[in-house]
C-alpha atoms as a PDB file:
ATOM      1  CA  MET A   1     208.795 207.780 102.606  1.00  0.00           C
ATOM      2  CA  SER A   2     212.294 206.891 102.801  1.00  0.00           C
ATOM      3  CA  GLN A   3     214.608 208.562 105.507  1.00  0.00           C
ATOM      4  CA  SER A   4     216.813 211.612 104.993  1.00  0.00           C
ATOM      5  CA  LYS A   5     220.234 211.401 104.319  1.00  0.00           C
ATOM      6  CA  PRO A   6     222.859 214.127 103.517  1.00  0.00           C
ATOM      7  CA  GLU A   7     223.036 215.176 100.096  1.00  0.00           C
ATOM      8  CA  ASP A   8     226.121 217.688  98.762  1.00  0.00           C
ATOM      9  CA  VAL A   9     224.929 220.262  96.794  1.00  0.00           C
ATOM     10  CA  ASN A  10     227.343 223.045  94.761  1.00  0.00           C
ATOM     11  CA  ILE A  11     226.139 226.349  94.732  1.00  0.00           C
ATOM     12  CA  MET A  12     228.475 229.017  92.751  1.00  0.00           C
ATOM     13  CA  GLY A  13     231.442 227.093  93.579  1.00  0.00           C
ATOM     14  CA  ARG A  14     230.499 226.454  97.330  1.00  0.00           C
ATOM     15  CA  GLU A  15     229.895 223.149  98.822  1.00  0.00           C
ATOM     16  CA  PHE A  16     226.772 222.619 100.962  1.00  0.00           C
ATOM     17  CA  THR A  17     225.474 219.490 102.583  1.00  0.00           C
ATOM     18  CA  VAL A  18     221.447 219.071 102.594  1.00  0.00           C
ATOM     19  CA  SER A  19     219.467 216.337 104.194  1.00  0.00           C
ATOM     20  CA  CYS A  20     216.744 215.037 101.822  1.00  0.00           C
ATOM     21  CA  THR A  21     215.022 211.818 101.119  1.00  0.00           C
ATOM     22  CA  ASP A  22     215.449 209.948  97.912  1.00  0.00           C
ATOM     23  CA  GLU A  23     211.730 211.348  96.906  1.00  0.00           C
ATOM     24  CA  GLU A  24     213.266 214.651  97.249  1.00  0.00           C
ATOM     25  CA  ARG A  25     216.303 214.465  95.812  1.00  0.00           C
ATOM     26  CA  PRO A  26     215.466 215.513  91.979  1.00  0.00           C
ATOM     27  CA  GLY A  27     213.365 218.213  93.517  1.00  0.00           C
ATOM     28  CA  LEU A  28     216.404 219.452  95.484  1.00  0.00           C
ATOM     29  CA  ILE A  29     218.752 219.106  92.542  1.00  0.00           C
ATOM     30  CA  ASN A  30     216.359 221.354  90.430  1.00  0.00           C
ATOM     31  CA  ALA A  31     216.571 223.642  93.094  1.00  0.00           C
ATOM     32  CA  VAL A  32     219.988 223.879  93.560  1.00  0.00           C
ATOM     33  CA  ASP A  33     220.546 224.363  89.353  1.00  0.00           C
ATOM     34  CA  PHE A  34     218.192 227.065  89.303  1.00  0.00           C
ATOM     35  CA  LEU A  35     219.557 229.030  92.163  1.00  0.00           C
ATOM     36  CA  ASP A  36     222.925 228.509  91.006  1.00  0.00           C
ATOM     37  CA  LYS A  37     221.882 229.790  87.630  1.00  0.00           C
ATOM     38  CA  LYS A  38     220.186 233.014  89.053  1.00  0.00           C
ATOM     39  CA  MET A  39     223.220 233.637  91.246  1.00  0.00           C
ATOM     40  CA  ARG A  40     225.722 233.306  88.371  1.00  0.00           C
ATOM     41  CA  ASP A  41     223.456 235.820  86.195  1.00  0.00           C
ATOM     42  CA  ILE A  42     223.422 238.322  88.929  1.00  0.00           C
ATOM     43  CA  ARG A  43     227.145 238.166  89.537  1.00  0.00           C
ATOM     44  CA  ASP A  44     227.973 237.884  85.753  1.00  0.00           C
ATOM     45  CA  GLY A  45     225.961 241.256  85.418  1.00  0.00           C
ATOM     46  CA  GLY A  46     228.665 242.609  87.098  1.00  0.00           C
ATOM     47  CA  LYS A  47     226.631 245.305  89.532  1.00  0.00           C
ATOM     48  CA  ILE A  48     226.761 243.112  92.554  1.00  0.00           C
ATOM     49  CA  ILE A  49     229.914 241.936  94.390  1.00  0.00           C
ATOM     50  CA  GLY A  50     230.279 239.246  96.915  1.00  0.00           C
ATOM     51  CA  VAL A  51     228.537 235.989  97.220  1.00  0.00           C
ATOM     52  CA  GLU A  52     226.232 236.886 100.230  1.00  0.00           C
ATOM     53  CA  ARG A  53     225.052 239.924  98.344  1.00  0.00           C
ATOM     54  CA  ILE A  54     224.322 238.081  95.436  1.00  0.00           C
ATOM     55  CA  ALA A  55     222.615 235.378  97.271  1.00  0.00           C
ATOM     56  CA  ILE A  56     220.281 238.269  98.927  1.00  0.00           C
ATOM     57  CA  MET A  57     219.463 239.812  95.374  1.00  0.00           C
ATOM     58  CA  ALA A  58     218.770 235.822  94.078  1.00  0.00           C
ATOM     59  CA  ALA A  59     216.237 235.455  97.027  1.00  0.00           C
ATOM     60  CA  LEU A  60     214.740 238.997  96.312  1.00  0.00           C
ATOM     61  CA  ASN A  61     214.318 238.304  92.774  1.00  0.00           C
ATOM     62  CA  LEU A  62     212.727 234.861  93.444  1.00  0.00           C
ATOM     63  CA  SER A  63     210.448 236.500  96.141  1.00  0.00           C
ATOM     64  CA  HIS A  64     209.253 238.682  93.538  1.00  0.00           C
ATOM     65  CA  GLU A  65     208.503 236.050  90.922  1.00  0.00           C
ATOM     66  CA  LEU A  66     206.826 234.021  93.348  1.00  0.00           C
ATOM     67  CA  LEU A  67     204.354 237.090  94.729  1.00  0.00           C
ATOM     68  CA  ASN A  68     203.821 237.940  91.072  1.00  0.00           C
ATOM     69  CA  ALA A  69     202.905 234.436  90.316  1.00  0.00           C
ATOM     70  CA  LYS A  70     200.430 234.099  93.187  1.00  0.00           C
ATOM     71  CA  SER A  71     198.765 237.668  92.024  1.00  0.00           C
ATOM     72  CA  GLY A  72     198.407 236.442  88.463  1.00  0.00           C
ATOM     73  CA  ASN A  73     201.229 238.496  86.888  1.00  0.00           C
ATOM     74  CA  VAL A  74     202.860 235.237  85.623  1.00  0.00           C
ATOM     75  CA  ASP A  75     205.765 235.056  82.888  1.00  0.00           C
ATOM     76  CA  VAL A  76     204.679 232.772  80.153  1.00  0.00           C
ATOM     77  CA  GLY A  77     208.025 232.678  78.517  1.00  0.00           C
ATOM     78  CA  ASP A  78     209.468 231.169  81.793  1.00  0.00           C
ATOM     79  CA  ILE A  79     206.767 228.620  82.539  1.00  0.00           C
ATOM     80  CA  LYS A  80     207.218 227.533  78.858  1.00  0.00           C
ATOM     81  CA  ARG A  81     211.057 227.163  79.305  1.00  0.00           C
ATOM     82  CA  ARG A  82     210.473 225.513  82.775  1.00  0.00           C
ATOM     83  CA  ILE A  83     208.253 223.018  81.362  1.00  0.00           C
ATOM     84  CA  SER A  84     210.471 222.269  78.553  1.00  0.00           C
ATOM     85  CA  GLN A  85     213.327 221.636  81.069  1.00  0.00           C
ATOM     86  CA  MET A  86     210.786 219.587  83.021  1.00  0.00           C
ATOM     87  CA  GLN A  87     209.948 217.558  79.605  1.00  0.00           C
ATOM     88  CA  ASP A  88     213.637 216.967  78.776  1.00  0.00           C
ATOM     89  CA  GLN A  89     214.293 215.370  82.226  1.00  0.00           C
ATOM     90  CA  ILE A  90     211.328 213.147  81.693  1.00  0.00           C
ATOM     91  CA  ASP A  91     212.623 211.931  78.496  1.00  0.00           C
ATOM     92  CA  LYS A  92     216.155 211.173  79.974  1.00  0.00           C
ATOM     93  CA  ALA A  93     214.743 209.319  82.751  1.00  0.00           C
ATOM     94  CA  CYS A  94     212.236 207.256  80.524  1.00  0.00           C
ATOM     95  CA  ALA A  95     215.415 206.647  78.181  1.00  0.00           C
ATOM     96  CA  VAL A  96     217.209 205.225  80.872  1.00  0.00           C
ATOM     97  CA  LYS A  97     214.636 202.361  81.715  1.00  0.00           C
END
């Protein structure tokens, strides 16, 4: 396993530096993209104002989804969408080689 190094990421226009290994980087980027989209969706809904409040609502939504998935209440459409996104990433990675 490689050594952790700083990675700059952007969530809702704000820069953050996160330490991760080269192996963890793709997962980090996916998580950042996923969180950024969730937070932008909440912001664009217009009911929540302020980045901190948006972040808390995103955390609550993600926690709810995780707990539902653990208890068997899974959103099949969301899973299919995520699999499709992963397949696209795999296709792009294979095309590079």
